[in-house]
Amino acid sequence: MIRPQARSGTDPRPARVLTRGRWVWSDPDGAPRGGPGTTMTTMVMADRPEVQTASAPVTALAVVGLAETMLNGLARVPFRKPWQGPSGLLDNLGRSVTRQVIRSFMGYSVSLPIKEFRSMEKILDEICRAVMPPFVGLHDGVEIVDDTIGGVPGIWCRAKASSDAYVDESADKEAIGATILYLHGGGYIGTSPIMYSAFAAALVRHTGAEVFIADYRMAPEFPFPAGVLDAADVYQGLLDRGASAEHLVVAGDSGGGGLATSLVSYLHTRSMPAPAAVALFSPEVDLDLSRPSVMENAELDIIPWNVPVMPYLQGVQPNDKRVSAVYAEPDPDWFPPTFVCWGADEMFRDGIREFAKRLEGSGVRVYAMEEYGMFHVFPILMPWAEASKRMFRALGELSGRHVTPDPAAEQTH
């Protein structure tokens, strides 16, 4: 089990960038992550010195606008007969309300100038920092600890030493002692690790692993390949701390899921050890956004129809295999065993289907779950839904098949 470790100064290794399809060594932004004698802690993007934010009055107006947009959206819910649907009454209501709330939130957020977006993101991060630690502690028996790995800040979500309740819910206890490197979603442009701590705590409870959520750099301030490089530094940092690749799982949702596939590809090109497995939740594996489901499910999904991908790409073609795993080489048989889950109503459906099909056709062990009537990242937004419960059960059952337990881990059972 990897323990938190204070780290000062900057990572002595230069940053890495992609040019003309090759991984080369360089410094993509010309700025180190920290200064001499500093210790990195988890930071929302607004706290980074390179990122500009809006003034307090402008931020306040943005927050008021968000509240108004979400209330207007909720007012429309009853007219859409939210009680109707493929599941039970509560699931149908929950799905309709969640869909409308998140659609309103995301649609409004991506319309903001980046300074206002970052300022509002910081407010949400601070709220989550106050609310989430006690919540996951009481609900899941999980503690949250800040740490810096490979020069990249982030948070650990792990079972409290005084609690072993999570072990009883782990369907396969062989995964105890494994580590999940989690890359959070947000379309490569937004959110923060603490916002995903409830989902990470659920992963701890159902798999018995510990989870590190990396606070990687995001666009547009830090476009591709900054996020991939940060993820690679965390992965190498875990190995440097003594973790074995056979104890590591790389996971992510939405843009973080796409980033996870880019990381695995990067590890392969560098001849670095691959993780034992990959877990993806509605991964953004096709930034070309030209498949039929993008338009077919635009009214059913939670994400805006004009998914913002250009801030991340900034000159890289959306069908480049480094950013869109669905366009990887024809036979990616080097990919680790992969668990992938998505909703049938999401805009990314067809791209994810093609990605899973391509892996399976290459001989990769793929465990694919498509849930009827569900939208993007539904296990994160609706953990109480029957579809989400099925996903957690399946993930728990599979976690011990491909992840070797760490013999040095502190067992609680």
Protein backbone atom coordinates (compact mmCIF):
# COMPACT_ATOMS: atom_id res chain seq x y z
CA MET A 1 0.00 0.00 0.00
CA ILE A 2 1.38 3.40 -0.97
CA ARG A 3 1.59 5.81 1.95
CA PRO A 4 1.41 9.63 1.70
CA GLN A 5 4.84 11.14 1.35
CA ALA A 6 5.76 14.78 1.56
CA ARG A 7 7.76 16.00 -1.40
CA SER A 8 9.52 19.32 -1.74
CA GLY A 9 11.01 21.09 -4.69
CA THR A 10 10.35 20.35 -8.30
CA ASP A 11 10.55 17.08 -10.13
CA PRO A 12 14.13 16.88 -11.51
CA ARG A 13 12.91 15.24 -14.69
CA PRO A 14 12.01 17.56 -17.56
CA ALA A 15 8.44 17.55 -18.72
CA ARG A 16 7.50 15.59 -21.82
CA VAL A 17 5.61 16.67 -24.88
CA LEU A 18 4.34 15.13 -28.08
CA THR A 19 5.54 16.42 -31.44
CA ARG A 20 4.73 14.94 -34.83
CA GLY A 21 3.40 11.78 -33.25
CA ARG A 22 6.52 11.15 -31.14
CA TRP A 23 7.04 11.43 -27.41
CA VAL A 24 10.04 13.70 -26.77
CA TRP A 25 11.52 15.46 -23.74
CA SER A 26 10.87 19.16 -23.37
CA ASP A 27 9.02 21.68 -21.22
CA PRO A 28 5.56 22.38 -22.70
CA ASP A 29 4.71 25.50 -20.74
CA GLY A 30 8.07 26.83 -19.62
CA ALA A 31 6.99 26.86 -15.98
CA PRO A 32 7.85 24.39 -13.23
CA ARG A 33 5.09 23.04 -11.03
CA GLY A 34 6.64 24.45 -7.88
CA GLY A 35 9.63 26.38 -6.63
CA PRO A 36 12.63 25.33 -4.58
CA GLY A 37 11.64 24.35 -1.08
CA THR A 38 7.93 24.24 -1.80
CA THR A 39 5.57 21.38 -1.07
CA MET A 40 2.73 20.94 -3.50
CA THR A 41 -0.77 20.42 -2.15
CA THR A 42 -3.98 19.79 -4.01
CA MET A 43 -5.03 22.90 -5.89
CA VAL A 44 -8.00 23.78 -8.00
CA MET A 45 -7.02 25.33 -11.33
CA ALA A 46 -7.84 28.83 -10.06
CA ASP A 47 -5.06 28.53 -7.47
CA ARG A 48 -2.34 27.93 -10.04
CA PRO A 49 -0.22 31.05 -10.63
CA GLU A 50 -0.58 30.77 -14.41
CA VAL A 51 -4.39 30.84 -14.27
CA GLN A 52 -6.41 34.06 -14.31
CA THR A 53 -9.70 34.47 -12.45
CA ALA A 54 -12.56 36.95 -12.40
CA SER A 55 -13.18 39.65 -9.82
CA ALA A 56 -15.46 38.95 -6.87
CA PRO A 57 -18.43 40.96 -8.25
CA VAL A 58 -18.22 39.25 -11.65
CA THR A 59 -17.94 35.85 -9.98
CA ALA A 60 -20.99 36.61 -7.84
CA LEU A 61 -22.99 37.46 -10.95
CA ALA A 62 -21.85 34.21 -12.56
CA VAL A 63 -23.04 32.22 -9.55
CA VAL A 64 -26.41 33.99 -9.60
CA GLY A 65 -26.72 33.24 -13.30
CA LEU A 66 -25.98 29.57 -12.66
CA ALA A 67 -28.64 29.37 -9.95
CA GLU A 68 -31.20 31.01 -12.21
CA THR A 69 -30.38 28.65 -15.09
CA MET A 70 -30.68 25.56 -12.91
CA LEU A 71 -33.98 26.69 -11.38
CA ASN A 72 -35.41 27.36 -14.83
CA GLY A 73 -34.33 23.90 -15.88
CA LEU A 74 -35.92 22.25 -12.86
CA ALA A 75 -39.18 24.07 -13.55
CA ARG A 76 -39.42 22.21 -16.86
CA VAL A 77 -38.99 18.74 -15.36
CA PRO A 78 -42.68 18.08 -14.45
CA PHE A 79 -43.76 18.81 -18.03
CA ARG A 80 -41.53 15.98 -19.30
CA LYS A 81 -43.32 13.26 -17.31
CA PRO A 82 -40.24 12.26 -15.30
CA TRP A 83 -42.05 9.31 -13.71
CA GLN A 84 -42.07 7.51 -17.04
CA GLY A 85 -39.07 5.45 -18.08
CA PRO A 86 -37.46 2.01 -18.27
CA SER A 87 -36.84 1.63 -14.53
CA GLY A 88 -38.69 2.00 -11.27
CA LEU A 89 -40.40 5.21 -10.21
CA LEU A 90 -37.52 6.50 -8.06
CA ASP A 91 -34.90 5.72 -10.69
CA ASN A 92 -36.99 7.39 -13.38
CA LEU A 93 -37.50 10.52 -11.28
CA GLY A 94 -33.86 10.59 -10.23
CA ARG A 95 -32.69 10.21 -13.80
CA SER A 96 -34.93 13.01 -15.10
CA VAL A 97 -34.03 15.46 -12.34
CA THR A 98 -30.32 14.64 -12.49
CA ARG A 99 -30.28 14.95 -16.27
CA GLN A 100 -31.90 18.37 -16.18
CA VAL A 101 -29.76 19.72 -13.32
CA ILE A 102 -26.48 18.59 -14.85
CA ARG A 103 -27.45 19.69 -18.36
CA SER A 104 -28.26 23.15 -17.03
CA PHE A 105 -25.04 23.29 -15.02
CA MET A 106 -22.79 22.12 -17.84
CA GLY A 107 -24.47 24.18 -20.54
CA TYR A 108 -24.15 27.34 -18.47
CA SER A 109 -20.59 26.59 -17.35
CA VAL A 110 -19.15 26.09 -20.83
CA SER A 111 -20.73 29.37 -21.95
CA LEU A 112 -18.74 31.38 -19.41
CA PRO A 113 -15.48 33.18 -20.16
CA ILE A 114 -12.63 31.11 -18.76
CA LYS A 115 -11.88 33.58 -15.93
CA GLU A 116 -15.44 33.31 -14.62
CA PHE A 117 -15.45 29.55 -15.12
CA ARG A 118 -12.30 29.16 -13.01
CA SER A 119 -13.63 31.41 -10.26
CA MET A 120 -16.90 29.48 -10.02
CA GLU A 121 -14.99 26.20 -10.11
CA LYS A 122 -12.97 27.36 -7.11
CA ILE A 123 -16.15 28.06 -5.13
CA LEU A 124 -17.46 24.57 -5.88
CA ASP A 125 -14.10 23.08 -4.91
CA GLU A 126 -14.16 24.87 -1.55
CA ILE A 127 -17.70 23.67 -0.87
CA CYS A 128 -16.68 20.09 -1.65
CA ARG A 129 -13.60 20.39 0.57
CA ALA A 130 -15.87 21.29 3.47
CA VAL A 131 -18.56 18.69 2.77
CA MET A 132 -16.94 15.61 1.25
CA PRO A 133 -14.40 14.50 3.91
CA PRO A 134 -16.99 14.09 6.69
CA PHE A 135 -19.50 12.59 4.25
CA VAL A 136 -17.23 9.84 2.90
CA GLY A 137 -15.89 9.27 6.39
CA LEU A 138 -19.33 8.55 7.80
CA HIS A 139 -20.89 6.91 4.75
CA ASP A 140 -17.96 4.85 3.47
CA GLY A 141 -15.41 4.70 6.28
CA VAL A 142 -12.93 6.42 3.96
CA GLU A 143 -10.40 9.13 4.76
CA ILE A 144 -9.09 11.80 2.38
CA VAL A 145 -5.41 12.74 2.50
CA ASP A 146 -3.53 15.32 0.43
CA ASP A 147 -0.32 14.16 -1.21
CA THR A 148 2.05 14.94 -4.07
CA ILE A 149 3.34 12.15 -6.30
CA GLY A 150 5.81 12.71 -9.11
CA GLY A 151 5.46 16.46 -8.62
CA VAL A 152 1.70 16.28 -9.18
CA PRO A 153 -0.70 17.07 -6.32
CA GLY A 154 -3.76 14.99 -5.57
CA ILE A 155 -5.74 13.24 -2.87
CA TRP A 156 -5.78 9.72 -1.48
CA CYS A 157 -9.08 8.06 -0.71
CA ARG A 158 -8.49 5.00 1.47
CA ALA A 159 -10.22 3.03 4.17
CA LYS A 160 -9.77 4.42 7.64
CA ALA A 161 -7.43 2.34 9.78
CA SER A 162 -10.17 2.00 12.38
CA SER A 163 -12.75 0.71 9.91
CA ASP A 164 -12.93 -2.48 7.91
CA ALA A 165 -16.58 -2.15 6.92
CA TYR A 166 -15.61 -1.58 3.31
CA VAL A 167 -14.00 -5.00 3.12
CA ASP A 168 -17.35 -6.69 3.68
CA GLU A 169 -18.76 -4.99 0.57
CA SER A 170 -15.79 -5.90 -1.62
CA ALA A 171 -17.05 -8.79 -3.71
CA ASP A 172 -13.51 -9.98 -4.35
CA LYS A 173 -11.17 -9.30 -1.45
CA GLU A 174 -8.12 -10.37 -3.48
CA ALA A 175 -7.75 -6.78 -4.68
CA ILE A 176 -7.04 -5.50 -1.17
CA GLY A 177 -3.76 -3.59 -1.29
CA ALA A 178 -4.11 -2.56 -4.93
CA THR A 179 -3.85 1.09 -5.94
CA ILE A 180 -6.11 2.87 -8.41
CA LEU A 181 -4.71 5.92 -10.17
CA TYR A 182 -7.89 7.86 -10.92
CA LEU A 183 -8.06 10.60 -13.55
CA HIS A 184 -11.16 12.68 -12.96
CA GLY A 185 -13.53 13.82 -15.68
CA GLY A 186 -14.52 17.30 -16.73
CA GLY A 187 -13.88 17.26 -20.47
CA TYR A 188 -10.18 18.06 -19.97
CA ILE A 189 -11.14 21.57 -18.85
CA GLY A 190 -12.83 21.50 -15.45
CA THR A 191 -13.59 20.03 -11.99
CA SER A 192 -11.11 18.92 -9.32
CA PRO A 193 -10.15 15.76 -7.38
CA ILE A 194 -12.23 16.52 -4.28
CA MET A 195 -15.37 16.66 -6.42
CA TYR A 196 -14.88 12.97 -7.21
CA SER A 197 -14.12 11.79 -3.69
CA ALA A 198 -17.58 10.25 -3.19
CA PHE A 199 -17.17 8.11 -6.30
CA ALA A 200 -13.61 7.25 -5.31
CA ALA A 201 -14.85 6.22 -1.87
CA ALA A 202 -17.36 3.91 -3.53
CA LEU A 203 -14.50 2.37 -5.51
CA VAL A 204 -12.61 1.82 -2.26
CA ARG A 205 -15.65 0.18 -0.70
CA HIS A 206 -16.41 -2.12 -3.61
CA THR A 207 -12.88 -3.11 -4.65
CA GLY A 208 -10.83 -2.91 -1.47
CA ALA A 209 -8.23 -0.79 -3.28
CA GLU A 210 -6.94 2.65 -2.35
CA VAL A 211 -7.48 5.48 -4.82
CA PHE A 212 -5.24 8.41 -5.72
CA ILE A 213 -7.05 11.15 -7.67
CA ALA A 214 -4.47 13.17 -9.59
CA ASP A 215 -4.85 16.94 -9.83
CA TYR A 216 -3.56 17.14 -13.39
CA ARG A 217 -3.32 20.34 -15.39
CA MET A 218 -6.24 21.20 -17.64
CA ALA A 219 -7.06 23.19 -20.76
CA PRO A 220 -7.22 25.81 -22.08
CA GLU A 221 -4.39 27.08 -19.89
CA PHE A 222 -2.58 23.75 -20.21
CA PRO A 223 -3.66 21.96 -23.40
CA PHE A 224 -2.58 18.53 -24.61
CA PRO A 225 -0.23 16.94 -23.68
CA ALA A 226 0.06 18.51 -20.20
CA GLY A 227 -2.56 16.24 -18.61
CA VAL A 228 -1.01 13.11 -20.10
CA LEU A 229 2.42 14.11 -18.84
CA ASP A 230 1.11 14.76 -15.34
CA ALA A 231 -0.62 11.38 -15.31
CA ALA A 232 2.60 9.70 -16.48
CA ASP A 233 4.56 11.44 -13.73
CA VAL A 234 2.11 10.20 -11.11
CA TYR A 235 2.30 6.67 -12.50
CA GLN A 236 6.11 6.77 -12.44
CA GLY A 237 5.97 8.29 -8.96
CA LEU A 238 3.90 5.38 -7.70
CA LEU A 239 6.45 2.97 -9.15
CA ASP A 240 9.26 4.99 -7.55
CA ARG A 241 7.56 4.62 -4.18
CA GLY A 242 7.72 0.87 -4.50
CA ALA A 243 4.42 0.00 -6.12
CA SER A 244 4.46 -2.75 -8.72
CA ALA A 245 2.55 -2.38 -11.97
CA GLU A 246 0.71 -5.61 -11.17
CA HIS A 247 -0.79 -3.79 -8.17
CA LEU A 248 -1.86 -0.71 -10.17
CA VAL A 249 -5.10 0.10 -11.96
CA VAL A 250 -5.56 3.18 -14.15
CA ALA A 251 -9.12 4.48 -14.13
CA GLY A 252 -11.04 7.53 -15.24
CA ASP A 253 -14.36 8.92 -16.38
CA SER A 254 -15.33 11.11 -19.33
CA GLY A 255 -12.29 13.21 -20.27
CA GLY A 256 -10.36 11.47 -17.51
CA GLY A 257 -11.26 8.17 -19.14
CA GLY A 258 -9.86 9.42 -22.43
CA LEU A 259 -6.79 10.63 -20.56
CA ALA A 260 -6.40 7.16 -19.05
CA THR A 261 -6.26 5.61 -22.52
CA SER A 262 -3.71 8.23 -23.61
CA LEU A 263 -1.64 7.37 -20.55
CA VAL A 264 -1.68 3.65 -21.35
CA SER A 265 -0.64 4.45 -24.93
CA TYR A 266 2.17 6.66 -23.65
CA LEU A 267 3.42 3.94 -21.30
CA HIS A 268 3.46 1.53 -24.23
CA THR A 269 5.50 3.88 -26.45
CA ARG A 270 8.01 4.37 -23.62
CA SER A 271 8.25 0.61 -22.93
CA MET A 272 7.12 1.25 -19.36
CA PRO A 273 5.25 -1.48 -17.47
CA ALA A 274 1.53 -1.43 -18.17
CA PRO A 275 -0.97 -1.36 -15.30
CA ALA A 276 -2.67 -4.57 -14.30
CA ALA A 277 -6.01 -3.30 -15.57
CA VAL A 278 -7.91 -0.26 -16.81
CA ALA A 279 -11.37 0.86 -15.65
CA LEU A 280 -13.26 3.40 -17.75
CA PHE A 281 -16.59 5.08 -17.10
CA SER A 282 -18.13 6.80 -20.15
CA PRO A 283 -14.65 7.53 -21.53
CA GLU A 284 -14.17 10.31 -24.07
CA VAL A 285 -12.28 8.17 -26.58
CA ASP A 286 -13.35 9.89 -29.82
CA LEU A 287 -12.83 13.65 -29.93
CA ASP A 288 -13.83 13.77 -33.59
CA LEU A 289 -17.48 13.70 -32.45
CA SER A 290 -18.77 12.63 -35.86
CA ARG A 291 -20.55 9.38 -34.99
CA PRO A 292 -24.38 9.12 -35.17
CA SER A 293 -24.94 8.90 -31.40
CA VAL A 294 -23.58 12.43 -30.93
CA MET A 295 -26.68 13.84 -32.62
CA GLU A 296 -29.10 11.00 -31.85
CA ASN A 297 -28.58 11.31 -28.09
CA ALA A 298 -28.07 15.06 -27.87
CA GLU A 299 -31.49 15.51 -26.25
CA LEU A 300 -31.08 12.52 -23.94
CA ASP A 301 -27.60 13.08 -22.55
CA ILE A 302 -26.39 15.50 -19.87
CA ILE A 303 -23.52 17.05 -21.77
CA PRO A 304 -23.97 20.04 -24.10
CA TRP A 305 -24.36 19.32 -27.80
CA ASN A 306 -21.33 21.51 -28.56
CA VAL A 307 -18.83 19.51 -26.52
CA PRO A 308 -15.76 21.76 -26.05
CA VAL A 309 -12.75 19.79 -27.30
CA MET A 310 -10.73 22.48 -29.10
CA PRO A 311 -9.43 24.09 -25.88
CA TYR A 312 -7.72 20.78 -25.12
CA LEU A 313 -6.52 19.99 -28.64
CA GLN A 314 -5.23 23.44 -29.69
CA GLY A 315 -3.84 22.33 -33.04
CA VAL A 316 -3.86 18.56 -32.56
CA GLN A 317 -6.28 16.78 -34.89
CA PRO A 318 -9.28 15.27 -33.06
CA ASN A 319 -8.72 11.91 -34.77
CA ASP A 320 -5.10 11.75 -33.61
CA LYS A 321 -4.61 8.39 -31.89
CA ARG A 322 -2.83 10.11 -29.00
CA VAL A 323 -6.04 11.87 -27.96
CA SER A 324 -8.70 9.56 -29.42
CA ALA A 325 -8.09 5.93 -28.51
CA VAL A 326 -10.70 4.72 -30.98
CA TYR A 327 -8.21 5.61 -33.74
CA ALA A 328 -5.34 3.64 -32.22
CA GLU A 329 -3.42 1.20 -34.38
CA PRO A 330 -5.55 -1.63 -35.82
CA ASP A 331 -4.27 -4.23 -33.37
CA PRO A 332 -3.74 -2.71 -29.89
CA ASP A 333 -3.17 -6.11 -28.30
CA TRP A 334 -0.81 -4.54 -25.76
CA PHE A 335 -3.72 -2.87 -23.94
CA PRO A 336 -4.32 -4.21 -20.40
CA PRO A 337 -7.57 -5.98 -19.42
CA THR A 338 -10.21 -3.27 -19.61
CA PHE A 339 -13.50 -2.66 -17.82
CA VAL A 340 -15.66 -0.08 -19.59
CA CYS A 341 -19.15 1.10 -18.69
CA TRP A 342 -21.39 3.61 -20.45
CA GLY A 343 -25.02 4.59 -20.94
CA ALA A 344 -27.04 3.80 -24.05
CA ASP A 345 -28.39 7.37 -24.03
CA GLU A 346 -25.06 9.15 -24.09
CA MET A 347 -23.57 11.05 -26.98
CA PHE A 348 -20.27 9.17 -26.79
CA ARG A 349 -22.01 5.77 -27.09
CA ASP A 350 -20.93 4.84 -30.62
CA GLY A 351 -17.32 5.82 -30.09
CA ILE A 352 -17.12 3.79 -26.89
CA ARG A 353 -18.74 0.81 -28.59
CA GLU A 354 -16.16 0.97 -31.38
CA PHE A 355 -13.32 1.31 -28.88
CA ALA A 356 -14.46 -1.74 -26.90
CA LYS A 357 -15.00 -3.71 -30.10
CA ARG A 358 -11.52 -2.86 -31.36
CA LEU A 359 -9.88 -3.96 -28.11
CA GLU A 360 -11.85 -7.17 -28.03
CA GLY A 361 -10.97 -7.90 -31.65
CA SER A 362 -7.30 -7.56 -30.73
CA GLY A 363 -7.56 -10.22 -28.07
CA VAL A 364 -7.70 -7.83 -25.12
CA ARG A 365 -9.91 -8.96 -22.26
CA VAL A 366 -12.76 -6.48 -22.29
CA TYR A 367 -15.62 -6.30 -19.80
CA ALA A 368 -18.18 -3.98 -21.36
CA MET A 369 -21.43 -2.75 -19.81
CA GLU A 370 -23.93 -0.63 -21.72
CA GLU A 371 -26.88 0.37 -19.55
CA TYR A 372 -30.19 1.05 -21.27
CA GLY A 373 -31.78 4.43 -20.56
CA MET A 374 -28.71 5.83 -18.79
CA PHE A 375 -26.67 8.91 -19.66
CA HIS A 376 -23.04 10.01 -19.39
CA VAL A 377 -21.16 8.99 -16.19
CA PHE A 378 -24.37 7.75 -14.56
CA PRO A 379 -22.57 5.76 -11.80
CA ILE A 380 -21.06 9.02 -10.53
CA LEU A 381 -24.23 11.09 -10.73
CA MET A 382 -26.72 8.37 -9.73
CA PRO A 383 -24.91 5.86 -7.48
CA TRP A 384 -28.25 4.73 -6.03
CA ALA A 385 -29.64 3.60 -9.41
CA GLU A 386 -29.95 -0.12 -10.12
CA ALA A 387 -27.72 0.30 -13.18
CA SER A 388 -25.00 1.83 -11.00
CA LYS A 389 -25.31 -0.95 -8.45
CA ARG A 390 -24.84 -3.50 -11.21
CA MET A 391 -21.74 -1.67 -12.35
CA PHE A 392 -20.21 -1.60 -8.87
CA ARG A 393 -20.95 -5.30 -8.36
CA ALA A 394 -19.35 -6.20 -11.68
CA LEU A 395 -16.31 -4.07 -10.98
CA GLY A 396 -15.91 -5.61 -7.54
CA GLU A 397 -16.14 -9.12 -8.95
CA LEU A 398 -13.56 -8.39 -11.64
CA SER A 399 -11.10 -6.45 -9.52
CA GLY A 400 -9.41 -9.53 -8.12
CA ARG A 401 -9.08 -11.35 -11.43
CA HIS A 402 -6.45 -9.09 -12.94
CA VAL A 403 -4.96 -7.13 -10.02
CA THR A 404 -2.37 -8.91 -7.91
CA PRO A 405 -2.75 -8.02 -4.21
CA ASP A 406 0.15 -6.17 -2.63
CA PRO A 407 1.74 -8.48 -0.04
CA ALA A 408 3.10 -5.43 1.80
CA ALA A 409 -0.36 -3.91 2.25
CA GLU A 410 -1.86 -3.61 5.69
CA GLN A 411 -4.68 -6.14 5.64
CA THR A 412 -7.77 -5.34 7.69
CA HIS A 413 -9.51 -8.67 7.40
